[in-house]
Every structure is written in C-alpha cells, then in structure tokens.
C-alpha atoms as a PDB file:
ATOM      1  CA  MET A   1    -173.139 -40.114 -91.327  1.00  0.00           C
ATOM      2  CA  THR A   2    -171.213 -37.090 -90.013  1.00  0.00           C
ATOM      3  CA  ASP A   3    -167.648 -36.088 -90.757  1.00  0.00           C
ATOM      4  CA  ALA A   4    -165.551 -36.757 -87.619  1.00  0.00           C
ATOM      5  CA  ARG A   5    -162.560 -34.685 -88.778  1.00  0.00           C
ATOM      6  CA  PRO A   6    -161.799 -31.576 -86.700  1.00  0.00           C
ATOM      7  CA  THR A   7    -162.671 -28.231 -88.241  1.00  0.00           C
ATOM      8  CA  ARG A   8    -159.996 -25.729 -89.256  1.00  0.00           C
ATOM      9  CA  ARG A   9    -160.985 -23.504 -86.307  1.00  0.00           C
ATOM     10  CA  THR A  10    -160.668 -26.397 -83.823  1.00  0.00           C
ATOM     11  CA  PHE A  11    -157.252 -27.302 -85.242  1.00  0.00           C
ATOM     12  CA  LEU A  12    -156.031 -23.695 -84.984  1.00  0.00           C
ATOM     13  CA  LYS A  13    -157.289 -23.318 -81.410  1.00  0.00           C
ATOM     14  CA  LEU A  14    -155.645 -26.574 -80.317  1.00  0.00           C
ATOM     15  CA  THR A  15    -152.382 -25.656 -82.053  1.00  0.00           C
ATOM     16  CA  ALA A  16    -152.341 -22.211 -80.437  1.00  0.00           C
ATOM     17  CA  ALA A  17    -153.127 -23.631 -76.994  1.00  0.00           C
ATOM     18  CA  ALA A  18    -150.409 -26.279 -77.287  1.00  0.00           C
ATOM     19  CA  GLY A  19    -147.878 -23.696 -78.460  1.00  0.00           C
ATOM     20  CA  ALA A  20    -148.772 -21.343 -75.625  1.00  0.00           C
ATOM     21  CA  ALA A  21    -148.506 -24.109 -73.049  1.00  0.00           C
ATOM     22  CA  ALA A  22    -145.214 -25.408 -74.413  1.00  0.00           C
ATOM     23  CA  GLY A  23    -143.480 -22.121 -75.062  1.00  0.00           C
ATOM     24  CA  ALA A  24    -144.910 -19.335 -72.933  1.00  0.00           C
ATOM     25  CA  VAL A  25    -141.421 -18.527 -71.680  1.00  0.00           C
ATOM     26  CA  VAL A  26    -138.349 -19.377 -73.746  1.00  0.00           C
ATOM     27  CA  VAL A  27    -134.760 -18.659 -72.824  1.00  0.00           C
ATOM     28  CA  SER A  28    -132.658 -17.278 -75.658  1.00  0.00           C
ATOM     29  CA  GLY A  29    -129.004 -18.044 -76.308  1.00  0.00           C
ATOM     30  CA  SER A  30    -128.158 -14.876 -74.346  1.00  0.00           C
ATOM     31  CA  GLY A  31    -130.040 -16.156 -71.291  1.00  0.00           C
ATOM     32  CA  ALA A  32    -132.726 -13.458 -71.441  1.00  0.00           C
ATOM     33  CA  ALA A  33    -136.283 -14.655 -70.910  1.00  0.00           C
ATOM     34  CA  GLN A  34    -138.673 -14.096 -73.785  1.00  0.00           C
ATOM     35  CA  THR A  35    -142.364 -14.039 -73.069  1.00  0.00           C
ATOM     36  CA  ALA A  36    -145.502 -14.568 -75.114  1.00  0.00           C
ATOM     37  CA  THR A  37    -145.932 -10.779 -75.156  1.00  0.00           C
ATOM     38  CA  ASP A  38    -142.699 -10.397 -77.156  1.00  0.00           C
ATOM     39  CA  PRO A  39    -143.418 -11.972 -80.562  1.00  0.00           C
ATOM     40  CA  ALA A  40    -140.667 -10.109 -82.477  1.00  0.00           C
ATOM     41  CA  ARG A  41    -137.595  -8.001 -81.773  1.00  0.00           C
ATOM     42  CA  ALA A  42    -135.166  -5.882 -83.753  1.00  0.00           C
ATOM     43  CA  GLY A  43    -132.713  -8.141 -85.576  1.00  0.00           C
ATOM     44  CA  ASP A  44    -135.041 -11.142 -85.802  1.00  0.00           C
ATOM     45  CA  LEU A  45    -134.795 -13.139 -89.009  1.00  0.00           C
ATOM     46  CA  LEU A  46    -137.918 -13.944 -90.974  1.00  0.00           C
ATOM     47  CA  LEU A  47    -138.076 -17.610 -91.992  1.00  0.00           C
ATOM     48  CA  TYR A  48    -140.700 -19.170 -94.245  1.00  0.00           C
ATOM     49  CA  GLN A  49    -143.413 -20.740 -92.105  1.00  0.00           C
ATOM     50  CA  ASP A  50    -144.786 -23.099 -94.755  1.00  0.00           C
ATOM     51  CA  GLY A  51    -144.341 -24.357 -98.291  1.00  0.00           C
ATOM     52  CA  PRO A  52    -141.257 -25.774-100.006  1.00  0.00           C
ATOM     53  CA  SER A  53    -138.967 -23.151 -98.431  1.00  0.00           C
ATOM     54  CA  LYS A  54    -140.205 -23.783 -94.858  1.00  0.00           C
ATOM     55  CA  GLY A  55    -137.492 -22.890 -92.331  1.00  0.00           C
ATOM     56  CA  LYS A  56    -135.356 -20.980 -94.843  1.00  0.00           C
ATOM     57  CA  PRO A  57    -134.731 -17.220 -94.666  1.00  0.00           C
ATOM     58  CA  VAL A  58    -137.101 -14.999 -96.648  1.00  0.00           C
ATOM     59  CA  LYS A  59    -135.146 -13.085 -99.303  1.00  0.00           C
ATOM     60  CA  THR A  60    -136.637 -10.136-101.163  1.00  0.00           C
ATOM     61  CA  ALA A  61    -135.356 -11.498-104.479  1.00  0.00           C
ATOM     62  CA  ASP A  62    -137.595 -14.571-104.039  1.00  0.00           C
ATOM     63  CA  LEU A  63    -140.812 -12.606-103.387  1.00  0.00           C
ATOM     64  CA  LYS A  64    -143.311 -12.123-106.206  1.00  0.00           C
ATOM     65  CA  VAL A  65    -145.482  -9.034-106.601  1.00  0.00           C
ATOM     66  CA  GLY A  66    -148.947  -9.593-105.133  1.00  0.00           C
ATOM     67  CA  VAL A  67    -148.175 -12.984-103.593  1.00  0.00           C
ATOM     68  CA  ALA A  68    -148.331 -13.139 -99.800  1.00  0.00           C
ATOM     69  CA  VAL A  69    -146.064 -15.462 -97.845  1.00  0.00           C
ATOM     70  CA  TRP A  70    -146.185 -16.583 -94.249  1.00  0.00           C
ATOM     71  CA  ALA A  71    -143.046 -16.180 -92.192  1.00  0.00           C
ATOM     72  CA  LEU A  72    -142.056 -16.536 -88.566  1.00  0.00           C
ATOM     73  CA  ALA A  73    -139.925 -14.072 -86.590  1.00  0.00           C
ATOM     74  CA  VAL A  74    -137.050 -16.042 -85.073  1.00  0.00           C
ATOM     75  CA  ASP A  75    -134.128 -15.270 -82.803  1.00  0.00           C
ATOM     76  CA  PRO A  76    -131.090 -14.842 -85.092  1.00  0.00           C
ATOM     77  CA  LYS A  77    -128.830 -16.854 -82.763  1.00  0.00           C
ATOM     78  CA  THR A  78    -131.051 -19.824 -81.884  1.00  0.00           C
ATOM     79  CA  LYS A  79    -133.285 -19.795 -85.008  1.00  0.00           C
ATOM     80  CA  LYS A  80    -136.221 -20.457 -82.649  1.00  0.00           C
ATOM     81  CA  PRO A  81    -139.452 -18.425 -82.702  1.00  0.00           C
ATOM     82  CA  ARG A  82    -139.828 -15.749 -80.059  1.00  0.00           C
ATOM     83  CA  ASP A  83    -143.488 -16.719 -79.710  1.00  0.00           C
ATOM     84  CA  ALA A  84    -144.791 -19.409 -82.035  1.00  0.00           C
ATOM     85  CA  THR A  85    -148.402 -18.404 -81.372  1.00  0.00           C
ATOM     86  CA  LYS A  86    -148.000 -14.670 -82.074  1.00  0.00           C
ATOM     87  CA  GLY A  87    -144.798 -14.339 -84.086  1.00  0.00           C
ATOM     88  CA  GLY A  88    -146.415 -15.089 -87.454  1.00  0.00           C
ATOM     89  CA  VAL A  89    -145.841 -12.545 -90.202  1.00  0.00           C
ATOM     90  CA  VAL A  90    -147.490 -12.036 -93.582  1.00  0.00           C
ATOM     91  CA  LEU A  91    -145.157 -10.436 -96.136  1.00  0.00           C
ATOM     92  CA  VAL A  92    -146.313  -8.920 -99.401  1.00  0.00           C
ATOM     93  CA  LYS A  93    -144.272  -7.476-102.234  1.00  0.00           C
ATOM     94  CA  LEU A  94    -146.350  -4.688-103.754  1.00  0.00           C
ATOM     95  CA  ALA A  95    -146.143  -3.286-107.263  1.00  0.00           C
ATOM     96  CA  SER A  96    -143.798  -0.339-107.612  1.00  0.00           C
ATOM     97  CA  GLY A  97    -145.315   2.823-106.132  1.00  0.00           C
ATOM     98  CA  LYS A  98    -148.113   1.009-104.250  1.00  0.00           C
ATOM     99  CA  VAL A  99    -146.575   1.439-100.777  1.00  0.00           C
ATOM    100  CA  GLN A 100    -148.411   4.451 -99.326  1.00  0.00           C
ATOM    101  CA  ALA A 101    -146.726   7.076 -97.115  1.00  0.00           C
ATOM    102  CA  SER A 102    -148.321   5.453 -94.023  1.00  0.00           C
ATOM    103  CA  SER A 103    -146.467   2.184 -94.721  1.00  0.00           C
ATOM    104  CA  GLN A 104    -143.124   3.495 -95.962  1.00  0.00           C
ATOM    105  CA  PRO A 105    -141.399   3.846 -92.537  1.00  0.00           C
ATOM    106  CA  ASN A 106    -141.976   0.125 -91.880  1.00  0.00           C
ATOM    107  CA  ALA A 107    -141.385  -1.194 -95.424  1.00  0.00           C
ATOM    108  CA  ALA A 108    -138.244  -2.448 -97.123  1.00  0.00           C
ATOM    109  CA  GLY A 109    -138.711  -0.915-100.565  1.00  0.00           C
ATOM    110  CA  ASP A 110    -141.872  -2.484-102.006  1.00  0.00           C
ATOM    111  CA  VAL A 111    -142.075  -5.218 -99.329  1.00  0.00           C
ATOM    112  CA  VAL A 112    -144.363  -4.806 -96.314  1.00  0.00           C
ATOM    113  CA  ALA A 113    -144.822  -7.076 -93.287  1.00  0.00           C
ATOM    114  CA  TYR A 114    -147.733  -7.366 -90.852  1.00  0.00           C
ATOM    115  CA  SER A 115    -148.886  -9.695 -88.108  1.00  0.00           C
ATOM    116  CA  SER A 116    -150.543 -12.714 -89.693  1.00  0.00           C
ATOM    117  CA  ILE A 117    -153.079 -12.871 -86.856  1.00  0.00           C
ATOM    118  CA  CYS A 118    -156.410 -11.187 -87.574  1.00  0.00           C
ATOM    119  CA  THR A 119    -157.463  -8.523 -85.094  1.00  0.00           C
ATOM    120  CA  HIS A 120    -161.049  -9.842 -85.111  1.00  0.00           C
ATOM    121  CA  GLN A 121    -160.804 -13.367 -83.657  1.00  0.00           C
ATOM    122  CA  GLY A 122    -157.167 -14.353 -84.110  1.00  0.00           C
ATOM    123  CA  CYS A 123    -157.580 -16.302 -87.337  1.00  0.00           C
ATOM    124  CA  PRO A 124    -154.693 -16.521 -89.825  1.00  0.00           C
ATOM    125  CA  THR A 125    -154.437 -13.914 -92.580  1.00  0.00           C
ATOM    126  CA  LYS A 126    -152.369 -14.774 -95.612  1.00  0.00           C
ATOM    127  CA  GLU A 127    -154.499 -14.747 -98.696  1.00  0.00           C
ATOM    128  CA  ILE A 128    -154.468 -11.935-101.202  1.00  0.00           C
ATOM    129  CA  GLY A 129    -158.003 -11.279-102.423  1.00  0.00           C
ATOM    130  CA  THR A 130    -158.807 -11.727-106.098  1.00  0.00           C
ATOM    131  CA  LEU A 131    -162.381 -10.413-106.253  1.00  0.00           C
ATOM    132  CA  GLY A 132    -164.307  -7.263-105.415  1.00  0.00           C
ATOM    133  CA  MET A 133    -163.171  -5.085-102.529  1.00  0.00           C
ATOM    134  CA  GLY A 134    -160.627  -7.728-101.471  1.00  0.00           C
ATOM    135  CA  LYS A 135    -158.734  -7.685-104.779  1.00  0.00           C
ATOM    136  CA  GLY A 136    -155.043  -7.173-104.082  1.00  0.00           C
ATOM    137  CA  HIS A 137    -155.528  -6.918-100.306  1.00  0.00           C
ATOM    138  CA  ILE A 138    -154.744  -9.207 -97.362  1.00  0.00           C
ATOM    139  CA  ILE A 139    -157.868 -11.098 -96.338  1.00  0.00           C
ATOM    140  CA  CYS A 140    -158.933 -13.274 -93.458  1.00  0.00           C
ATOM    141  CA  THR A 141    -160.811 -16.098 -95.139  1.00  0.00           C
ATOM    142  CA  CYS A 142    -162.507 -17.152 -91.878  1.00  0.00           C
ATOM    143  CA  HIS A 143    -164.687 -14.068 -91.336  1.00  0.00           C
ATOM    144  CA  GLY A 144    -163.969 -11.871 -94.341  1.00  0.00           C
ATOM    145  CA  SER A 145    -161.895  -9.029 -92.905  1.00  0.00           C
ATOM    146  CA  ILE A 146    -159.960  -7.134 -95.580  1.00  0.00           C
ATOM    147  CA  PHE A 147    -156.727  -5.207 -94.925  1.00  0.00           C
ATOM    148  CA  ASP A 148    -154.982  -2.780 -97.296  1.00  0.00           C
ATOM    149  CA  ALA A 149    -151.364  -4.004 -97.473  1.00  0.00           C
ATOM    150  CA  GLY A 150    -150.183  -0.797 -99.134  1.00  0.00           C
ATOM    151  CA  ASP A 151    -151.803   1.515 -96.576  1.00  0.00           C
ATOM    152  CA  ASN A 152    -150.546   0.253 -93.205  1.00  0.00           C
ATOM    153  CA  ALA A 153    -153.038  -2.685 -93.178  1.00  0.00           C
ATOM    154  CA  THR A 154    -156.016  -0.351 -92.788  1.00  0.00           C
ATOM    155  CA  VAL A 155    -159.296  -2.258 -92.414  1.00  0.00           C
ATOM    156  CA  LEU A 156    -161.289  -2.003 -95.642  1.00  0.00           C
ATOM    157  CA  GLY A 157    -164.113  -4.362 -94.722  1.00  0.00           C
ATOM    158  CA  GLY A 158    -165.289  -7.155 -92.492  1.00  0.00           C
ATOM    159  CA  PRO A 159    -165.544  -7.416 -88.711  1.00  0.00           C
ATOM    160  CA  ALA A 160    -161.909  -6.646 -87.764  1.00  0.00           C
ATOM    161  CA  PRO A 161    -161.938  -3.669 -85.356  1.00  0.00           C
ATOM    162  CA  LYS A 162    -158.408  -2.450 -86.128  1.00  0.00           C
ATOM    163  CA  ARG A 163    -155.564  -2.743 -88.617  1.00  0.00           C
ATOM    164  CA  LEU A 164    -152.938  -5.476 -88.462  1.00  0.00           C
ATOM    165  CA  PRO A 165    -149.819  -4.371 -86.559  1.00  0.00           C
ATOM    166  CA  ALA A 166    -146.902  -3.734 -88.918  1.00  0.00           C
ATOM    167  CA  LEU A 167    -143.516  -5.349 -88.461  1.00  0.00           C
ATOM    168  CA  PRO A 168    -140.867  -2.789 -89.448  1.00  0.00           C
ATOM    169  CA  ILE A 169    -138.416  -4.589 -91.743  1.00  0.00           C
ATOM    170  CA  LYS A 170    -135.130  -4.070 -93.566  1.00  0.00           C
ATOM    171  CA  VAL A 171    -132.993  -6.121 -95.916  1.00  0.00           C
ATOM    172  CA  ASP A 172    -129.545  -7.200 -94.745  1.00  0.00           C
ATOM    173  CA  ALA A 173    -126.403  -7.459 -96.901  1.00  0.00           C
ATOM    174  CA  THR A 174    -127.324 -11.001 -98.002  1.00  0.00           C
ATOM    175  CA  GLY A 175    -130.837 -10.015 -99.139  1.00  0.00           C
ATOM    176  CA  GLN A 176    -132.597 -11.567 -96.135  1.00  0.00           C
ATOM    177  CA  VAL A 177    -135.589  -9.824 -94.574  1.00  0.00           C
ATOM    178  CA  VAL A 178    -134.896  -8.824 -90.957  1.00  0.00           C
ATOM    179  CA  ALA A 179    -137.060  -7.062 -88.350  1.00  0.00           C
ATOM    180  CA  LYS A 180    -135.994  -3.451 -87.624  1.00  0.00           C
ATOM    181  CA  ALA A 181    -138.123  -3.436 -84.448  1.00  0.00           C
ATOM    182  CA  GLY A 182    -140.979  -5.314 -82.818  1.00  0.00           C
ATOM    183  CA  PHE A 183    -144.583  -5.106 -84.031  1.00  0.00           C
ATOM    184  CA  THR A 184    -146.086  -1.614 -84.017  1.00  0.00           C
ATOM    185  CA  GLY A 185    -149.047  -2.677 -81.883  1.00  0.00           C
ATOM    186  CA  LYS A 186    -150.635  -5.522 -79.960  1.00  0.00           C
ATOM    187  CA  VAL A 187    -150.810  -8.741 -81.966  1.00  0.00           C
ATOM    188  CA  GLY A 188    -154.176 -10.483 -82.281  1.00  0.00           C
ATOM    189  CA  PRO A 189    -157.680  -9.546 -81.150  1.00  0.00           C
ATOM    190  CA  LYS A 190    -158.464  -6.913 -78.516  1.00  0.00           C
END
C-alpha cells in the first residue's frame, strides 16, 4: 500500500502557485501597485511567519542566539505581505562578534536577515545546522545547501549557485525589526 499524502515539495509548489495566482498584483493602502518582483521595501515590518507568535512583530529582544526564525515582510500600513511567495525572511541572532564586515551594513547589531528562499530550487531555508560543515549556518534541508549567516550568506556547500540575498534591517524605537531597504539581490533561483 502506498502513502497517498502529498510530499513536502508538492505542497510547497502548490502553495507558491496559489499565492502567485492570488496575489501577483496587490494594491497598497497608498494605491500604489505592488508586484511579485517587489517582495520587500524600506519601512516594511517583519512579522513572524509561523509558530506561537505568528503574525506578531519580530522584536530583537525576543530573538535567541543561534536560533533562526521565519518572518514575512509586510506593508506597515496594511499589514499585508508585499509578495507572499517571495517575501519570506530568515532572521538569525548571531553571537557577539560573529557578524563579519560583509554583513554589517545590512545587520541590526548581531541580527541578520536573508531571503528564506534557497537560490538552488526555491526551497525554504530556516534551519540552523548542528553537525559538520552546517553547524551554526543556515541550511536548506531539501538539497543540503549551506549558507554562512555571519558572512553575507556566502554558500559554504551544496548545490546553491549563489548566496541568499540580504534584507537590510534596523530596529525601530519599539524594538521591532524593520526593513531599511529591499533585498540586495534577486530572490529565489536563477
């Protein structure tokens, strides 16, 4: 007897396709059209994408060293994602002094943010590796790509052809993580 449940890959593909079809163009509260090529903008809030804090603002005080969290870049006025299929962000609070010079312009202290979409095949990246070359780094569990969170998400191993685009961030007066600009490169594969 075979297992009739959909695979993780099938679920992700269907979710991405549905999101793209439903929200390829969204109109913000200001009336400006936002397209799927605009997954984050300066001033966007970062809200937890999953877990018990889902939908709440990410605050630096709540982040733990070495624990990655998934967030979503959202319009600060409407609280809606700019692009639900490409606006995913992985945030990591690094140990003091672990943010390299290459990452410092985009970091908020010891907190760094990158696209959560792997540059290999578009799979989600959130896990922090615990073994071997992946230890302490962002990994894509689907195909094994490893990214150095402290060094501008440089590819350390696996099939990913390029680093994850960074999302320049800052912390506002209330401690919330906010985008300083859009992603530093194209989100996703190719």
